N, C-alpha and C. Protein backbone atom coordinates (compact mmCIF):
# COMPACT_ATOMS: atom_id res chain seq x y z
N MET A 1 6.75 12.88 -15.27
CA MET A 1 6.42 14.07 -16.01
C MET A 1 7.56 15.33 -16.02
N GLY A 2 7.42 16.18 -16.94
CA GLY A 2 8.40 17.09 -17.17
C GLY A 2 7.91 18.46 -16.28
N ALA A 3 8.83 19.20 -16.37
CA ALA A 3 8.47 20.61 -15.60
C ALA A 3 7.03 21.14 -16.10
N GLY A 4 6.33 21.73 -15.21
CA GLY A 4 5.02 22.15 -15.78
C GLY A 4 3.83 21.20 -15.97
N ALA A 5 4.25 19.95 -15.88
CA ALA A 5 3.24 18.88 -16.10
C ALA A 5 2.51 18.85 -14.76
N SER A 6 1.24 18.46 -15.06
CA SER A 6 0.49 18.15 -13.72
C SER A 6 -0.27 16.94 -14.04
N SER A 7 -0.77 16.29 -12.93
CA SER A 7 -1.63 15.26 -13.02
C SER A 7 -2.87 15.39 -12.14
N SER A 8 -3.96 14.78 -12.61
CA SER A 8 -5.25 15.12 -11.86
C SER A 8 -5.49 13.83 -10.93
N ILE A 9 -6.12 14.24 -9.87
CA ILE A 9 -6.60 13.11 -8.95
C ILE A 9 -7.88 12.61 -9.61
N SER A 10 -8.11 11.20 -9.62
CA SER A 10 -9.27 10.47 -9.98
C SER A 10 -10.25 10.58 -8.90
N LYS A 11 -11.65 11.14 -9.30
CA LYS A 11 -12.50 11.19 -8.01
C LYS A 11 -13.60 10.30 -8.34
N VAL A 12 -14.41 10.20 -7.26
CA VAL A 12 -15.67 9.35 -7.46
C VAL A 12 -16.53 10.43 -6.55
N ASN A 13 -17.95 10.28 -7.04
CA ASN A 13 -18.91 11.07 -6.31
C ASN A 13 -19.83 10.35 -5.33
N TYR A 14 -20.81 10.89 -4.75
CA TYR A 14 -21.68 10.20 -3.92
C TYR A 14 -22.59 8.90 -4.41
N GLU A 15 -22.62 9.07 -5.88
CA GLU A 15 -23.41 7.97 -6.47
C GLU A 15 -22.64 6.88 -6.59
N ASP A 16 -21.32 7.06 -6.95
CA ASP A 16 -20.33 5.95 -7.07
C ASP A 16 -20.18 5.33 -5.76
N MET A 17 -20.19 6.19 -4.71
CA MET A 17 -20.09 5.67 -3.33
C MET A 17 -21.28 4.77 -2.85
N GLN A 18 -22.67 5.16 -3.39
CA GLN A 18 -23.83 4.29 -3.02
C GLN A 18 -23.77 3.15 -3.73
N CYS A 19 -23.11 3.11 -5.00
CA CYS A 19 -22.93 1.84 -5.49
C CYS A 19 -22.15 0.93 -4.86
N MET A 20 -21.00 1.44 -4.41
CA MET A 20 -20.11 0.69 -3.55
C MET A 20 -20.64 0.04 -2.30
N CYS A 21 -21.69 0.98 -1.63
CA CYS A 21 -22.33 0.48 -0.41
C CYS A 21 -23.38 -0.77 -0.72
N ARG A 22 -23.93 -0.70 -2.14
CA ARG A 22 -24.88 -1.79 -2.38
C ARG A 22 -24.15 -3.09 -2.70
N THR A 23 -22.87 -2.91 -3.22
CA THR A 23 -22.12 -4.06 -3.37
C THR A 23 -21.38 -4.68 -2.20
N ALA A 24 -21.28 -4.05 -1.14
CA ALA A 24 -20.73 -4.44 0.20
C ALA A 24 -21.50 -5.28 0.91
N THR A 25 -21.52 -6.68 0.78
CA THR A 25 -22.38 -7.53 1.33
C THR A 25 -21.98 -7.59 2.77
N PRO A 26 -22.79 -8.33 3.73
CA PRO A 26 -22.50 -8.42 5.23
C PRO A 26 -21.25 -9.25 5.46
N LEU A 27 -20.89 -10.12 4.52
CA LEU A 27 -19.57 -10.79 4.73
C LEU A 27 -18.39 -9.89 4.35
N GLN A 28 -18.43 -9.02 3.48
CA GLN A 28 -17.53 -8.05 3.12
C GLN A 28 -17.34 -6.98 4.16
N GLU A 29 -18.61 -6.67 4.72
CA GLU A 29 -18.59 -5.49 5.72
C GLU A 29 -18.09 -5.94 7.20
N HIS A 30 -17.97 -7.23 7.56
CA HIS A 30 -17.58 -7.78 8.78
C HIS A 30 -16.35 -8.80 8.85
N LYS A 31 -16.16 -9.43 7.71
CA LYS A 31 -14.94 -10.20 7.65
C LYS A 31 -13.76 -9.57 7.04
N TYR A 32 -12.81 -8.91 7.66
CA TYR A 32 -12.10 -7.94 7.08
C TYR A 32 -11.12 -8.77 6.11
N SER A 33 -10.76 -10.07 6.20
CA SER A 33 -9.85 -10.42 5.33
C SER A 33 -10.28 -10.57 3.85
N ASN A 34 -11.83 -10.28 3.71
CA ASN A 34 -12.22 -10.21 2.25
C ASN A 34 -11.68 -9.20 1.55
N TYR A 35 -11.43 -8.00 2.45
CA TYR A 35 -10.93 -6.77 1.74
C TYR A 35 -9.92 -6.86 0.67
N TYR A 36 -8.85 -7.70 1.22
CA TYR A 36 -7.76 -7.79 0.27
C TYR A 36 -7.75 -9.07 -0.27
N ALA A 37 -8.68 -9.91 -0.17
CA ALA A 37 -8.86 -11.21 -1.20
C ALA A 37 -8.68 -10.81 -2.66
N PRO A 38 -8.23 -11.65 -3.33
CA PRO A 38 -8.10 -11.30 -4.92
C PRO A 38 -9.44 -11.32 -5.50
N THR A 39 -10.49 -11.77 -5.14
CA THR A 39 -11.62 -11.63 -5.69
C THR A 39 -12.53 -10.46 -5.35
N HIS A 40 -12.17 -9.86 -4.31
CA HIS A 40 -12.69 -8.47 -3.92
C HIS A 40 -12.36 -7.35 -4.85
N PRO A 41 -13.47 -6.53 -5.52
CA PRO A 41 -13.15 -5.58 -6.62
C PRO A 41 -12.62 -4.29 -6.18
N TRP A 42 -12.79 -4.08 -4.89
CA TRP A 42 -12.20 -2.59 -4.51
C TRP A 42 -11.86 -2.62 -2.96
N LEU A 43 -11.15 -1.54 -2.67
CA LEU A 43 -10.90 -1.29 -1.31
C LEU A 43 -11.11 0.01 -0.97
N LEU A 44 -11.99 0.21 0.08
CA LEU A 44 -12.40 1.41 0.59
C LEU A 44 -11.68 1.72 1.89
N ILE A 45 -10.86 2.85 1.63
CA ILE A 45 -9.95 3.49 2.93
C ILE A 45 -10.40 4.65 3.38
N ASN A 46 -10.47 4.93 4.80
CA ASN A 46 -10.74 6.31 5.18
C ASN A 46 -9.52 6.95 5.73
N THR A 47 -9.48 8.26 6.07
CA THR A 47 -8.23 8.90 6.61
C THR A 47 -8.67 9.58 8.00
N LEU A 48 -9.92 9.25 8.37
CA LEU A 48 -10.28 9.81 9.72
C LEU A 48 -9.33 9.53 10.74
N PRO A 49 -9.36 10.49 11.79
CA PRO A 49 -8.39 9.96 12.81
C PRO A 49 -9.00 8.89 13.66
N PRO A 50 -8.11 8.17 14.41
CA PRO A 50 -8.47 7.04 15.21
C PRO A 50 -9.79 7.11 16.13
N GLY A 51 -9.84 8.33 16.75
CA GLY A 51 -11.18 8.50 17.49
C GLY A 51 -12.46 8.99 16.64
N MET A 52 -12.38 8.81 15.28
CA MET A 52 -13.63 8.88 14.62
C MET A 52 -13.99 7.82 13.76
N GLN A 53 -13.53 6.70 14.21
CA GLN A 53 -13.80 5.43 13.25
C GLN A 53 -15.19 4.87 13.75
N GLY A 54 -15.97 5.49 14.49
CA GLY A 54 -17.09 4.81 14.94
C GLY A 54 -18.13 4.81 13.80
N CYS A 55 -18.32 6.04 13.03
CA CYS A 55 -19.33 6.12 11.98
C CYS A 55 -18.50 6.17 10.60
N LEU A 56 -18.53 5.08 9.86
CA LEU A 56 -18.08 4.97 8.55
C LEU A 56 -18.97 4.54 7.57
N ILE A 57 -18.53 4.90 6.32
CA ILE A 57 -19.41 4.35 5.22
C ILE A 57 -19.19 2.86 5.09
N PRO A 58 -20.33 2.17 4.88
CA PRO A 58 -20.34 0.67 4.85
C PRO A 58 -19.26 0.12 3.83
N GLY A 59 -18.52 -0.93 4.17
CA GLY A 59 -17.49 -1.47 3.35
C GLY A 59 -16.00 -0.92 3.55
N THR A 60 -16.18 0.08 4.44
CA THR A 60 -14.77 0.69 4.71
C THR A 60 -13.89 -0.11 5.46
N LEU A 61 -12.70 -0.27 5.07
CA LEU A 61 -11.73 -1.20 5.76
C LEU A 61 -11.42 -0.53 7.34
N PRO A 62 -11.22 -1.22 8.20
CA PRO A 62 -11.17 -0.77 9.42
C PRO A 62 -9.67 -0.21 9.42
N ILE A 63 -9.39 0.91 10.18
CA ILE A 63 -8.23 1.39 10.33
C ILE A 63 -7.00 0.49 10.69
N ASP A 64 -7.24 -0.29 11.61
CA ASP A 64 -6.35 -1.25 12.01
C ASP A 64 -6.02 -2.51 11.04
N GLU A 65 -6.68 -2.63 10.17
CA GLU A 65 -6.52 -3.54 8.96
C GLU A 65 -5.77 -2.93 7.83
N GLU A 66 -5.63 -1.77 7.71
CA GLU A 66 -5.09 -1.02 6.66
C GLU A 66 -3.74 -1.71 6.10
N GLU A 67 -2.90 -1.55 7.06
CA GLU A 67 -1.31 -1.89 6.68
C GLU A 67 -1.21 -3.31 6.19
N VAL A 68 -2.01 -4.27 6.82
CA VAL A 68 -1.93 -5.66 6.28
C VAL A 68 -2.68 -5.95 4.85
N ALA A 69 -3.79 -4.96 4.81
CA ALA A 69 -4.46 -5.09 3.31
C ALA A 69 -3.66 -4.60 2.46
N ILE A 70 -2.90 -3.47 2.60
CA ILE A 70 -2.01 -2.87 1.58
C ILE A 70 -0.60 -3.73 1.25
N ASN A 71 -0.29 -4.24 2.52
CA ASN A 71 0.86 -5.23 2.14
C ASN A 71 0.61 -6.34 1.33
N ALA A 72 -0.68 -7.01 1.52
CA ALA A 72 -1.22 -8.12 0.95
C ALA A 72 -1.38 -7.83 -0.64
N LEU A 73 -1.65 -6.64 -0.91
CA LEU A 73 -2.15 -6.04 -2.17
C LEU A 73 -0.67 -5.99 -2.97
N ILE A 74 0.29 -5.42 -2.34
CA ILE A 74 1.63 -5.15 -2.80
C ILE A 74 2.13 -6.49 -3.15
N ALA A 75 2.07 -7.49 -2.31
CA ALA A 75 2.64 -8.94 -2.67
C ALA A 75 1.94 -9.70 -3.54
N ALA A 76 0.58 -9.36 -3.95
CA ALA A 76 -0.26 -10.02 -4.88
C ALA A 76 0.11 -9.85 -6.21
N SER A 77 0.14 -10.69 -7.20
CA SER A 77 0.57 -10.38 -8.58
C SER A 77 -0.06 -9.22 -9.31
N GLU A 78 -1.53 -9.09 -8.94
CA GLU A 78 -2.46 -8.14 -9.63
C GLU A 78 -2.75 -6.95 -8.48
N GLY A 79 -2.22 -7.19 -7.40
CA GLY A 79 -2.63 -6.45 -6.25
C GLY A 79 -2.81 -4.73 -6.53
N LYS A 80 -1.65 -4.26 -7.31
CA LYS A 80 -1.58 -2.90 -7.40
C LYS A 80 -2.54 -2.42 -8.72
N THR A 81 -3.30 -3.09 -9.00
CA THR A 81 -4.39 -2.86 -10.08
C THR A 81 -5.69 -2.74 -9.31
N ARG A 82 -5.71 -3.16 -8.12
CA ARG A 82 -7.05 -3.24 -7.34
C ARG A 82 -7.59 -1.69 -7.32
N GLU A 83 -8.84 -1.40 -7.41
CA GLU A 83 -9.44 -0.10 -7.16
C GLU A 83 -9.41 0.13 -5.82
N ILE A 84 -8.83 1.23 -5.46
CA ILE A 84 -8.73 1.77 -4.10
C ILE A 84 -9.38 3.09 -4.10
N ILE A 85 -10.40 3.44 -3.29
CA ILE A 85 -10.99 4.51 -2.99
C ILE A 85 -10.85 5.07 -1.58
N VAL A 86 -10.45 6.34 -1.45
CA VAL A 86 -10.14 6.82 -0.14
C VAL A 86 -10.94 8.28 0.14
N TYR A 87 -11.47 8.22 1.36
CA TYR A 87 -12.35 9.31 1.67
C TYR A 87 -11.85 9.83 3.20
N GLY A 88 -12.10 11.21 3.53
CA GLY A 88 -11.72 11.71 4.56
C GLY A 88 -13.00 12.37 5.26
N LYS A 89 -12.57 13.36 6.04
CA LYS A 89 -13.58 14.07 6.83
C LYS A 89 -14.41 14.95 5.99
N ASN A 90 -13.74 15.72 5.04
CA ASN A 90 -14.47 16.68 4.28
C ASN A 90 -13.67 17.05 3.05
N ALA A 91 -14.24 18.11 2.10
CA ALA A 91 -13.62 18.57 1.02
C ALA A 91 -12.32 19.25 1.27
N ASN A 92 -11.99 19.74 2.51
CA ASN A 92 -10.66 20.39 2.55
C ASN A 92 -9.68 19.53 3.50
N ASP A 93 -9.89 18.19 3.65
CA ASP A 93 -9.11 17.20 4.57
C ASP A 93 -7.80 17.00 3.88
N ASP A 94 -6.85 17.44 4.31
CA ASP A 94 -5.47 17.36 3.69
C ASP A 94 -4.95 15.91 3.71
N THR A 95 -5.43 15.34 4.73
CA THR A 95 -5.01 13.76 4.80
C THR A 95 -5.43 12.90 3.74
N LEU A 96 -6.46 13.41 3.05
CA LEU A 96 -6.99 12.80 1.75
C LEU A 96 -5.87 12.81 0.65
N HIS A 97 -5.45 13.83 0.40
CA HIS A 97 -4.52 13.96 -0.72
C HIS A 97 -3.02 13.24 -0.28
N LYS A 98 -2.68 13.43 1.11
CA LYS A 98 -1.61 12.59 1.48
C LYS A 98 -1.62 11.18 1.31
N LYS A 99 -2.89 10.86 1.66
CA LYS A 99 -3.02 9.10 1.48
C LYS A 99 -2.97 8.83 -0.03
N TYR A 100 -3.64 9.60 -0.72
CA TYR A 100 -3.65 9.34 -2.25
C TYR A 100 -2.22 9.35 -2.72
N GLN A 101 -1.20 10.34 -2.39
CA GLN A 101 0.19 10.35 -2.91
C GLN A 101 0.77 9.20 -2.12
N GLN A 102 0.62 8.82 -1.13
CA GLN A 102 1.29 7.72 -0.42
C GLN A 102 0.98 6.21 -1.36
N LEU A 103 -0.39 6.08 -1.50
CA LEU A 103 -0.67 4.98 -2.38
C LEU A 103 -0.05 5.09 -3.85
N MET A 104 -0.14 6.15 -4.48
CA MET A 104 0.53 6.10 -5.82
C MET A 104 2.02 5.93 -5.75
N GLY A 105 2.58 6.41 -4.53
CA GLY A 105 3.87 6.20 -4.59
C GLY A 105 4.31 4.73 -4.23
N LEU A 106 3.35 3.92 -3.66
CA LEU A 106 3.58 2.55 -3.46
C LEU A 106 3.30 1.64 -4.73
N GLY A 107 2.96 2.44 -5.88
CA GLY A 107 2.82 1.65 -7.08
C GLY A 107 1.35 1.50 -7.59
N PHE A 108 0.44 1.97 -6.55
CA PHE A 108 -1.00 1.62 -6.92
C PHE A 108 -1.34 2.72 -7.97
N ARG A 109 -2.19 2.30 -8.90
CA ARG A 109 -2.40 3.09 -10.16
C ARG A 109 -3.89 3.28 -10.35
N ASN A 110 -4.82 2.64 -9.59
CA ASN A 110 -6.29 2.69 -9.68
C ASN A 110 -6.80 3.28 -8.38
N VAL A 111 -6.21 4.38 -7.99
CA VAL A 111 -6.56 5.15 -6.77
C VAL A 111 -7.48 6.20 -7.08
N ARG A 112 -8.74 6.23 -6.28
CA ARG A 112 -9.41 7.48 -6.56
C ARG A 112 -9.90 7.94 -5.32
N VAL A 113 -10.41 9.23 -5.16
CA VAL A 113 -10.74 9.80 -3.77
C VAL A 113 -12.31 10.36 -3.92
N TYR A 114 -12.96 10.21 -2.84
CA TYR A 114 -14.25 10.74 -2.65
C TYR A 114 -14.09 12.05 -1.87
N PRO A 115 -13.93 13.32 -2.80
CA PRO A 115 -13.69 14.40 -1.99
C PRO A 115 -14.69 14.82 -1.01
N GLY A 116 -15.97 14.57 -1.05
CA GLY A 116 -16.88 15.08 -0.05
C GLY A 116 -16.90 14.56 1.33
N GLY A 117 -16.25 13.39 1.51
CA GLY A 117 -15.85 12.83 2.55
C GLY A 117 -17.19 12.44 3.66
N MET A 118 -16.94 12.32 4.83
CA MET A 118 -17.93 11.96 5.67
C MET A 118 -18.92 13.14 5.90
N PHE A 119 -18.50 14.36 5.77
CA PHE A 119 -19.25 15.60 5.96
C PHE A 119 -20.46 15.54 4.87
N GLU A 120 -20.01 15.35 3.53
CA GLU A 120 -21.25 15.45 2.55
C GLU A 120 -21.97 14.27 2.57
N TRP A 121 -21.45 13.06 2.90
CA TRP A 121 -22.23 11.86 3.18
C TRP A 121 -23.31 11.95 4.09
N LEU A 122 -22.91 12.38 5.39
CA LEU A 122 -23.79 12.42 6.43
C LEU A 122 -24.92 13.83 6.27
N LEU A 123 -24.48 14.62 5.52
CA LEU A 123 -25.39 15.67 5.07
C LEU A 123 -26.67 15.11 4.17
N LEU A 124 -26.13 14.13 3.33
CA LEU A 124 -26.98 13.59 2.34
C LEU A 124 -27.84 12.76 3.03
N GLN A 125 -27.34 12.00 4.10
CA GLN A 125 -28.08 11.02 4.72
C GLN A 125 -29.11 11.77 5.63
N ASP A 126 -28.62 12.95 6.06
CA ASP A 126 -29.83 13.62 7.05
C ASP A 126 -30.96 14.16 6.10
N ILE A 127 -30.71 14.49 4.69
CA ILE A 127 -31.58 14.75 3.72
C ILE A 127 -32.51 13.70 3.28
N TYR A 128 -31.72 12.69 2.79
CA TYR A 128 -32.47 11.74 2.14
C TYR A 128 -32.56 10.34 2.86
N GLY A 129 -32.03 10.10 3.93
CA GLY A 129 -32.03 9.00 4.77
C GLY A 129 -30.99 8.01 4.66
N ALA A 130 -30.92 7.05 5.76
CA ALA A 130 -30.02 6.25 5.80
C ALA A 130 -30.17 5.02 5.00
N ALA A 131 -31.25 4.78 4.35
CA ALA A 131 -31.35 3.73 3.35
C ALA A 131 -30.66 4.14 2.02
N SER A 132 -30.61 5.38 1.89
CA SER A 132 -29.80 5.89 0.64
C SER A 132 -28.34 6.09 0.97
N PHE A 133 -27.98 6.54 2.23
CA PHE A 133 -26.72 7.08 2.61
C PHE A 133 -26.38 6.31 3.90
N PRO A 134 -26.05 5.08 3.76
CA PRO A 134 -25.94 4.20 5.02
C PRO A 134 -24.52 4.55 5.96
N THR A 135 -24.51 4.27 6.96
CA THR A 135 -23.47 4.39 7.66
C THR A 135 -23.31 3.27 8.71
N THR A 136 -22.07 2.92 9.35
CA THR A 136 -22.01 1.74 10.41
C THR A 136 -22.65 2.17 11.46
N SER A 137 -22.91 3.43 11.78
CA SER A 137 -23.64 3.80 13.09
C SER A 137 -24.20 5.23 12.98
N LYS A 138 -25.03 5.63 13.67
CA LYS A 138 -25.87 6.83 13.57
C LYS A 138 -24.87 7.81 14.17
N GLU A 139 -24.69 9.02 13.45
CA GLU A 139 -24.00 10.00 14.05
C GLU A 139 -24.79 11.29 14.10
N LEU A 140 -25.03 11.92 15.34
CA LEU A 140 -25.82 13.06 15.54
C LEU A 140 -25.18 14.47 15.17
N ASP A 141 -23.88 14.42 15.54
CA ASP A 141 -23.10 15.61 15.59
C ASP A 141 -22.40 15.64 13.96
N LEU A 142 -23.20 16.12 13.11
CA LEU A 142 -22.61 16.24 11.76
C LEU A 142 -21.49 17.46 11.56
N LEU A 143 -21.57 18.27 12.41
CA LEU A 143 -20.74 19.35 12.36
C LEU A 143 -19.26 19.20 12.90
N LYS A 144 -19.12 18.17 13.47
CA LYS A 144 -17.72 17.78 13.94
C LYS A 144 -16.92 17.34 12.63
N TYR A 145 -17.55 17.12 11.44
CA TYR A 145 -16.94 16.72 10.16
C TYR A 145 -16.83 17.77 9.28
N LYS A 146 -17.49 18.98 9.73
CA LYS A 146 -17.42 19.93 8.50
C LYS A 146 -15.81 20.55 8.52
N PRO A 147 -15.57 21.27 7.38
CA PRO A 147 -14.35 21.83 7.34
C PRO A 147 -14.21 23.18 7.97
N PRO A 148 -12.88 23.40 8.46
CA PRO A 148 -13.02 24.74 9.12
C PRO A 148 -13.01 25.80 8.05
N SER A 149 -13.58 26.80 8.67
CA SER A 149 -13.82 28.18 7.94
C SER A 149 -12.55 28.57 7.50
N GLY A 150 -12.47 29.07 6.13
CA GLY A 150 -11.21 29.51 5.54
C GLY A 150 -11.19 31.04 6.06
N ARG A 151 -12.16 31.67 6.29
CA ARG A 151 -12.02 32.99 7.11
C ARG A 151 -11.41 32.92 8.46
N GLN A 152 -11.90 32.04 9.25
CA GLN A 152 -11.18 31.85 10.51
C GLN A 152 -9.75 31.51 10.35
N LYS A 153 -9.43 30.64 9.55
CA LYS A 153 -7.90 30.33 9.19
C LYS A 153 -7.18 31.48 8.99
N LEU A 154 -7.82 32.37 8.06
CA LEU A 154 -7.07 33.44 7.65
C LEU A 154 -7.04 34.62 8.97
N ILE A 155 -8.03 34.66 9.65
CA ILE A 155 -7.71 35.68 10.68
C ILE A 155 -6.90 35.03 11.92
N LEU A 156 -6.88 33.71 12.04
CA LEU A 156 -5.94 33.16 13.08
C LEU A 156 -4.62 33.28 12.75
N ASN A 157 -4.32 33.24 11.24
CA ASN A 157 -2.90 33.46 10.99
C ASN A 157 -2.05 34.58 10.93
N ILE A 158 -3.00 35.72 11.07
CA ILE A 158 -2.53 37.05 10.83
C ILE A 158 -1.93 37.45 12.18
């Protein structure tokens, strides 16, 4: 791209994520090698810190399997065309953009992000129920996923 050119990040919304949850079979949820098998249609990655891996959206690749999965996709002939969806804590999570850039830099071209992250997902779960917005475990402290206040950031940086 030339100077002044921009590219947009491809995004998914909560309905797309619900569809992915419905297609995550128990085998795919628990046998991690299926995530990077050639027949698996997508890879769901999170950017949550290691201490926050207990409550995830079903079908999410475990953090300790990510490197193996990405290397397997890079080595596979069609691996870089696999759909990869990335989510983080919330809409202000900078790690989401960093992971997107990292994957694009590795040559993956079908990378999309769920900008609402776990905070939006858990809020929707609280309103509409776990049947519509499932997670791998019940999380009671939804606010630990909330974005920091922009006003607090402004005050702290002065």
